Amino acid sequence: KKIAALAEAHNAQIAPHLYAGPVEWAANVHLAVSIPNILMAETIETPFHSALIKTGITVDGGHINAPQAPGLGIEVDEDLARANPWTGDGLHLQMQEDPIDHTGPNLFEGGAPVGKSD
């Protein structure tokens, strides 16, 4: 929030990056509604991410509705999360194909295990 205040003093907008999934998304949504100079809030919408949040965040007409429940305002499906642990060896999820194939579809599923995003 301090960075947003510094940016606002210089008439700059901010757009927090999202790479870690729906719990981080909930935190970003709360940040977005608490500052006047938000440009946009990113989201990664995959069936897997949608299933991880039982309740809380909705998107209506391209606008994110901030959760109203206590805390981050979301209910995480902990059983689904436990059934799909991150088993990679990197600190962060792989966010792109390597090497990148610019001729085909974007296969990134935001960490969803192959075959388990439905």
N, C-alpha and C. Protein backbone atom coordinates (compact mmCIF):
# COMPACT_ATOMS: atom_id res chain seq x y z
N LYS A 1 0.83 -1.19 0.00
CA LYS A 1 0.00 0.00 0.00
C LYS A 1 0.87 1.25 0.00
N LYS A 2 2.06 1.18 0.61
CA LYS A 2 2.97 2.33 0.60
C LYS A 2 3.46 2.62 -0.81
N ILE A 3 3.72 1.58 -1.57
CA ILE A 3 4.15 1.77 -2.96
C ILE A 3 3.05 2.46 -3.75
N ALA A 4 1.81 2.06 -3.52
CA ALA A 4 0.68 2.70 -4.20
C ALA A 4 0.60 4.18 -3.84
N ALA A 5 0.85 4.52 -2.59
CA ALA A 5 0.82 5.93 -2.17
C ALA A 5 1.94 6.72 -2.84
N LEU A 6 3.13 6.14 -2.93
CA LEU A 6 4.23 6.81 -3.64
C LEU A 6 3.88 7.01 -5.11
N ALA A 7 3.30 6.00 -5.73
CA ALA A 7 2.92 6.11 -7.13
C ALA A 7 1.85 7.18 -7.31
N GLU A 8 0.87 7.22 -6.42
CA GLU A 8 -0.21 8.20 -6.51
C GLU A 8 0.33 9.63 -6.44
N ALA A 9 1.35 9.85 -5.63
CA ALA A 9 1.94 11.18 -5.51
C ALA A 9 2.54 11.66 -6.83
N HIS A 10 2.83 10.72 -7.72
CA HIS A 10 3.39 11.06 -9.03
C HIS A 10 2.39 10.79 -10.15
N ASN A 11 1.12 10.74 -9.79
CA ASN A 11 0.03 10.49 -10.76
C ASN A 11 0.23 9.20 -11.55
N ALA A 12 0.77 8.19 -10.90
CA ALA A 12 0.99 6.90 -11.55
C ALA A 12 0.00 5.87 -10.99
N GLN A 13 -0.39 4.96 -11.84
CA GLN A 13 -1.27 3.88 -11.43
C GLN A 13 -0.44 2.63 -11.17
N ILE A 14 -1.02 1.68 -10.45
CA ILE A 14 -0.34 0.41 -10.22
C ILE A 14 -1.22 -0.74 -10.67
N ALA A 15 -0.56 -1.83 -11.01
CA ALA A 15 -1.24 -3.06 -11.41
C ALA A 15 -0.48 -4.22 -10.78
N PRO A 16 -0.86 -4.65 -9.58
CA PRO A 16 -0.14 -5.73 -8.90
C PRO A 16 -0.13 -7.01 -9.75
N HIS A 17 1.01 -7.65 -9.81
CA HIS A 17 1.16 -8.88 -10.59
C HIS A 17 0.63 -10.06 -9.78
N LEU A 18 0.05 -11.01 -10.47
CA LEU A 18 -0.50 -12.20 -9.84
C LEU A 18 0.14 -13.43 -10.47
N TYR A 19 0.80 -14.23 -9.68
CA TYR A 19 1.39 -15.46 -10.21
C TYR A 19 1.17 -16.66 -9.29
N ALA A 20 0.61 -16.45 -8.12
CA ALA A 20 0.58 -17.53 -7.14
C ALA A 20 -0.79 -18.14 -6.90
N GLY A 21 -1.79 -17.75 -7.63
CA GLY A 21 -3.06 -18.42 -7.50
C GLY A 21 -4.14 -17.64 -6.77
N PRO A 22 -5.23 -18.32 -6.42
CA PRO A 22 -6.42 -17.64 -5.92
C PRO A 22 -6.31 -17.02 -4.54
N VAL A 23 -5.46 -17.52 -3.67
CA VAL A 23 -5.32 -16.89 -2.35
C VAL A 23 -4.63 -15.53 -2.52
N GLU A 24 -3.59 -15.49 -3.34
CA GLU A 24 -2.94 -14.21 -3.64
C GLU A 24 -3.91 -13.28 -4.36
N TRP A 25 -4.74 -13.84 -5.23
CA TRP A 25 -5.74 -13.04 -5.94
C TRP A 25 -6.66 -12.34 -4.95
N ALA A 26 -7.10 -13.05 -3.93
CA ALA A 26 -7.97 -12.44 -2.91
C ALA A 26 -7.26 -11.28 -2.22
N ALA A 27 -5.99 -11.45 -1.90
CA ALA A 27 -5.23 -10.36 -1.27
C ALA A 27 -5.10 -9.18 -2.22
N ASN A 28 -4.85 -9.44 -3.51
CA ASN A 28 -4.74 -8.37 -4.49
C ASN A 28 -6.06 -7.62 -4.66
N VAL A 29 -7.17 -8.34 -4.60
CA VAL A 29 -8.48 -7.69 -4.72
C VAL A 29 -8.69 -6.72 -3.56
N HIS A 30 -8.32 -7.14 -2.35
CA HIS A 30 -8.46 -6.24 -1.20
C HIS A 30 -7.54 -5.03 -1.33
N LEU A 31 -6.33 -5.23 -1.85
CA LEU A 31 -5.45 -4.09 -2.10
C LEU A 31 -6.09 -3.17 -3.13
N ALA A 32 -6.61 -3.73 -4.20
CA ALA A 32 -7.18 -2.94 -5.29
C ALA A 32 -8.32 -2.03 -4.81
N VAL A 33 -9.17 -2.55 -3.94
CA VAL A 33 -10.31 -1.74 -3.49
C VAL A 33 -9.92 -0.73 -2.41
N SER A 34 -8.68 -0.82 -1.92
CA SER A 34 -8.27 0.09 -0.84
C SER A 34 -7.41 1.24 -1.32
N ILE A 35 -7.10 1.31 -2.62
CA ILE A 35 -6.26 2.38 -3.14
C ILE A 35 -6.97 3.08 -4.30
N PRO A 36 -6.74 4.38 -4.47
CA PRO A 36 -7.43 5.11 -5.53
C PRO A 36 -6.78 5.00 -6.90
N ASN A 37 -5.54 4.53 -6.98
CA ASN A 37 -4.82 4.57 -8.25
C ASN A 37 -4.55 3.17 -8.83
N ILE A 38 -5.51 2.28 -8.65
CA ILE A 38 -5.37 0.94 -9.23
C ILE A 38 -5.69 1.02 -10.73
N LEU A 39 -4.85 0.43 -11.54
CA LEU A 39 -5.10 0.37 -12.98
C LEU A 39 -5.94 -0.84 -13.30
N MET A 40 -5.50 -1.98 -12.79
CA MET A 40 -6.22 -3.23 -13.02
C MET A 40 -5.75 -4.26 -12.01
N ALA A 41 -6.54 -5.30 -11.87
CA ALA A 41 -6.16 -6.43 -11.03
C ALA A 41 -6.10 -7.66 -11.92
N GLU A 42 -4.95 -8.30 -11.94
CA GLU A 42 -4.79 -9.50 -12.75
C GLU A 42 -5.53 -10.68 -12.13
N THR A 43 -5.84 -11.65 -12.98
CA THR A 43 -6.40 -12.90 -12.51
C THR A 43 -5.93 -14.02 -13.42
N ILE A 44 -5.86 -15.21 -12.88
CA ILE A 44 -5.61 -16.41 -13.67
C ILE A 44 -6.85 -17.26 -13.48
N GLU A 45 -7.67 -17.34 -14.51
CA GLU A 45 -8.92 -18.08 -14.39
C GLU A 45 -8.81 -19.41 -15.13
N THR A 46 -8.57 -20.46 -14.38
CA THR A 46 -8.58 -21.81 -14.92
C THR A 46 -9.62 -22.60 -14.12
N PRO A 47 -10.10 -23.69 -14.66
CA PRO A 47 -11.03 -24.51 -13.88
C PRO A 47 -10.44 -24.95 -12.54
N PHE A 48 -9.14 -25.23 -12.52
CA PHE A 48 -8.49 -25.65 -11.28
C PHE A 48 -8.51 -24.52 -10.24
N HIS A 49 -8.14 -23.31 -10.66
CA HIS A 49 -8.16 -22.18 -9.73
C HIS A 49 -9.57 -21.89 -9.24
N SER A 50 -10.53 -21.94 -10.15
CA SER A 50 -11.93 -21.70 -9.77
C SER A 50 -12.40 -22.71 -8.73
N ALA A 51 -11.98 -23.96 -8.90
CA ALA A 51 -12.40 -25.01 -7.96
C ALA A 51 -11.74 -24.85 -6.59
N LEU A 52 -10.55 -24.23 -6.54
CA LEU A 52 -9.85 -24.05 -5.27
C LEU A 52 -10.57 -23.09 -4.33
N ILE A 53 -11.32 -22.15 -4.89
CA ILE A 53 -12.07 -21.21 -4.06
C ILE A 53 -13.53 -21.60 -4.10
N LYS A 54 -14.03 -22.06 -2.95
CA LYS A 54 -15.44 -22.47 -2.87
C LYS A 54 -16.35 -21.25 -2.91
N THR A 55 -16.00 -20.22 -2.17
CA THR A 55 -16.82 -19.00 -2.11
C THR A 55 -15.91 -17.79 -1.99
N GLY A 56 -16.43 -16.64 -2.38
CA GLY A 56 -15.70 -15.41 -2.09
C GLY A 56 -15.56 -14.43 -3.22
N ILE A 57 -14.86 -14.78 -4.28
CA ILE A 57 -14.58 -13.84 -5.35
C ILE A 57 -15.45 -14.16 -6.56
N THR A 58 -16.08 -13.13 -7.09
CA THR A 58 -16.84 -13.29 -8.33
C THR A 58 -16.42 -12.20 -9.30
N VAL A 59 -16.55 -12.50 -10.58
CA VAL A 59 -16.28 -11.53 -11.64
C VAL A 59 -17.58 -11.31 -12.38
N ASP A 60 -17.97 -10.04 -12.53
CA ASP A 60 -19.23 -9.70 -13.18
C ASP A 60 -18.97 -8.60 -14.21
N GLY A 61 -19.14 -8.93 -15.47
CA GLY A 61 -18.94 -7.94 -16.52
C GLY A 61 -17.53 -7.39 -16.58
N GLY A 62 -16.55 -8.22 -16.26
CA GLY A 62 -15.16 -7.78 -16.28
C GLY A 62 -14.72 -7.07 -15.01
N HIS A 63 -15.60 -6.96 -14.04
CA HIS A 63 -15.28 -6.31 -12.77
C HIS A 63 -15.25 -7.35 -11.66
N ILE A 64 -14.24 -7.25 -10.79
CA ILE A 64 -14.10 -8.18 -9.68
C ILE A 64 -14.88 -7.64 -8.48
N ASN A 65 -15.71 -8.48 -7.91
CA ASN A 65 -16.43 -8.12 -6.70
C ASN A 65 -15.61 -8.56 -5.49
N ALA A 66 -15.26 -7.62 -4.65
CA ALA A 66 -14.43 -7.93 -3.48
C ALA A 66 -15.19 -8.81 -2.50
N PRO A 67 -14.52 -9.81 -1.95
CA PRO A 67 -15.15 -10.66 -0.94
C PRO A 67 -15.54 -9.84 0.29
N GLN A 68 -16.63 -10.21 0.92
CA GLN A 68 -17.13 -9.47 2.08
C GLN A 68 -16.96 -10.23 3.40
N ALA A 69 -16.58 -11.49 3.34
CA ALA A 69 -16.40 -12.29 4.56
C ALA A 69 -15.13 -11.85 5.29
N PRO A 70 -14.96 -12.24 6.55
CA PRO A 70 -13.77 -11.88 7.32
C PRO A 70 -12.48 -12.41 6.67
N GLY A 71 -11.37 -11.81 7.05
CA GLY A 71 -10.07 -12.21 6.52
C GLY A 71 -9.96 -11.85 5.05
N LEU A 72 -9.44 -12.76 4.26
CA LEU A 72 -9.37 -12.53 2.82
C LEU A 72 -10.73 -12.69 2.15
N GLY A 73 -11.69 -13.24 2.89
CA GLY A 73 -13.05 -13.33 2.38
C GLY A 73 -13.31 -14.50 1.46
N ILE A 74 -12.42 -15.48 1.47
CA ILE A 74 -12.60 -16.64 0.60
C ILE A 74 -12.63 -17.92 1.43
N GLU A 75 -13.21 -18.95 0.85
CA GLU A 75 -13.16 -20.28 1.45
C GLU A 75 -12.41 -21.18 0.48
N VAL A 76 -11.26 -21.68 0.91
CA VAL A 76 -10.41 -22.52 0.07
C VAL A 76 -10.83 -23.98 0.21
N ASP A 77 -10.89 -24.68 -0.90
CA ASP A 77 -11.16 -26.13 -0.87
C ASP A 77 -9.85 -26.82 -0.50
N GLU A 78 -9.66 -27.01 0.79
CA GLU A 78 -8.40 -27.58 1.29
C GLU A 78 -8.21 -29.02 0.86
N ASP A 79 -9.28 -29.77 0.70
CA ASP A 79 -9.16 -31.15 0.23
C ASP A 79 -8.60 -31.18 -1.19
N LEU A 80 -9.08 -30.30 -2.05
CA LEU A 80 -8.57 -30.23 -3.42
C LEU A 80 -7.11 -29.79 -3.42
N ALA A 81 -6.76 -28.83 -2.58
CA ALA A 81 -5.37 -28.38 -2.49
C ALA A 81 -4.46 -29.51 -2.02
N ARG A 82 -4.88 -30.26 -1.01
CA ARG A 82 -4.07 -31.38 -0.52
C ARG A 82 -3.94 -32.48 -1.56
N ALA A 83 -4.97 -32.67 -2.37
CA ALA A 83 -4.95 -33.72 -3.39
C ALA A 83 -4.06 -33.36 -4.57
N ASN A 84 -3.66 -32.09 -4.67
CA ASN A 84 -2.85 -31.63 -5.79
C ASN A 84 -1.66 -30.81 -5.31
N PRO A 85 -0.76 -31.42 -4.53
CA PRO A 85 0.37 -30.66 -4.00
C PRO A 85 1.35 -30.27 -5.11
N TRP A 86 2.04 -29.17 -4.90
CA TRP A 86 3.10 -28.77 -5.82
C TRP A 86 4.27 -29.71 -5.61
N THR A 87 4.70 -30.38 -6.67
CA THR A 87 5.78 -31.36 -6.57
C THR A 87 7.01 -30.94 -7.35
N GLY A 88 7.00 -29.73 -7.87
CA GLY A 88 8.15 -29.25 -8.64
C GLY A 88 9.33 -28.95 -7.74
N ASP A 89 10.46 -28.66 -8.36
CA ASP A 89 11.65 -28.37 -7.58
C ASP A 89 11.96 -26.87 -7.56
N GLY A 90 11.17 -26.07 -8.24
CA GLY A 90 11.39 -24.63 -8.25
C GLY A 90 10.59 -23.94 -7.17
N LEU A 91 11.03 -22.73 -6.81
CA LEU A 91 10.31 -21.96 -5.80
C LEU A 91 8.96 -21.49 -6.33
N HIS A 92 8.92 -21.11 -7.60
CA HIS A 92 7.70 -20.60 -8.20
C HIS A 92 7.18 -21.58 -9.24
N LEU A 93 5.89 -21.51 -9.50
CA LEU A 93 5.32 -22.32 -10.56
C LEU A 93 5.88 -21.88 -11.90
N GLN A 94 5.99 -22.80 -12.83
CA GLN A 94 6.42 -22.45 -14.18
C GLN A 94 5.29 -21.69 -14.85
N MET A 95 5.54 -20.48 -15.26
CA MET A 95 4.49 -19.63 -15.79
C MET A 95 4.39 -19.67 -17.31
N GLN A 96 5.25 -20.40 -17.97
CA GLN A 96 5.20 -20.46 -19.42
C GLN A 96 5.83 -21.76 -19.89
N GLU A 97 5.52 -22.08 -21.13
CA GLU A 97 6.16 -23.25 -21.72
C GLU A 97 7.64 -22.93 -21.93
N ASP A 98 8.47 -23.93 -21.87
CA ASP A 98 9.90 -23.72 -22.08
C ASP A 98 10.42 -24.82 -22.99
N PRO A 99 10.78 -24.53 -24.22
CA PRO A 99 10.76 -23.20 -24.83
C PRO A 99 9.35 -22.77 -25.20
N ILE A 100 9.18 -21.47 -25.37
CA ILE A 100 7.86 -20.92 -25.71
C ILE A 100 7.54 -21.23 -27.16
N ASP A 101 6.32 -21.71 -27.39
CA ASP A 101 5.83 -21.96 -28.75
C ASP A 101 4.79 -20.90 -29.07
N HIS A 102 5.19 -19.90 -29.85
CA HIS A 102 4.28 -18.79 -30.17
C HIS A 102 3.27 -19.16 -31.25
N THR A 103 3.37 -20.36 -31.82
CA THR A 103 2.46 -20.75 -32.89
C THR A 103 1.27 -21.54 -32.39
N GLY A 104 1.33 -22.04 -31.17
CA GLY A 104 0.26 -22.89 -30.64
C GLY A 104 -0.51 -22.20 -29.54
N PRO A 105 -1.44 -22.92 -28.93
CA PRO A 105 -2.23 -22.35 -27.84
C PRO A 105 -1.41 -22.21 -26.57
N ASN A 106 -1.85 -21.34 -25.68
CA ASN A 106 -1.20 -21.18 -24.38
C ASN A 106 -1.61 -22.35 -23.51
N LEU A 107 -0.67 -23.19 -23.14
CA LEU A 107 -0.97 -24.39 -22.37
C LEU A 107 -0.85 -24.19 -20.87
N PHE A 108 -0.53 -22.98 -20.43
CA PHE A 108 -0.37 -22.72 -19.01
C PHE A 108 -1.69 -22.90 -18.29
N GLU A 109 -1.68 -23.68 -17.24
CA GLU A 109 -2.88 -23.91 -16.44
C GLU A 109 -2.70 -23.42 -15.01
N GLY A 110 -1.73 -22.57 -14.78
CA GLY A 110 -1.61 -21.97 -13.45
C GLY A 110 -1.27 -22.94 -12.34
N GLY A 111 -0.55 -24.01 -12.66
CA GLY A 111 -0.16 -24.96 -11.64
C GLY A 111 -1.06 -26.16 -11.55
N ALA A 112 -2.15 -26.15 -12.33
CA ALA A 112 -3.05 -27.30 -12.29
C ALA A 112 -2.36 -28.51 -12.88
N PRO A 113 -2.36 -29.62 -12.17
CA PRO A 113 -1.75 -30.83 -12.71
C PRO A 113 -2.43 -31.23 -14.02
N VAL A 114 -1.65 -31.69 -14.96
CA VAL A 114 -2.18 -32.10 -16.25
C VAL A 114 -3.26 -33.14 -16.05
N GLY A 115 -4.41 -32.91 -16.68
CA GLY A 115 -5.51 -33.86 -16.58
C GLY A 115 -6.39 -33.68 -15.36
N LYS A 116 -6.05 -32.75 -14.47
CA LYS A 116 -6.85 -32.56 -13.26
C LYS A 116 -7.49 -31.17 -13.19
N SER A 117 -7.53 -30.45 -14.31
CA SER A 117 -8.07 -29.09 -14.27
C SER A 117 -9.56 -29.05 -14.54
N ASP A 118 -10.18 -30.18 -14.80
CA ASP A 118 -11.62 -30.18 -15.09
C ASP A 118 -12.44 -30.50 -13.86
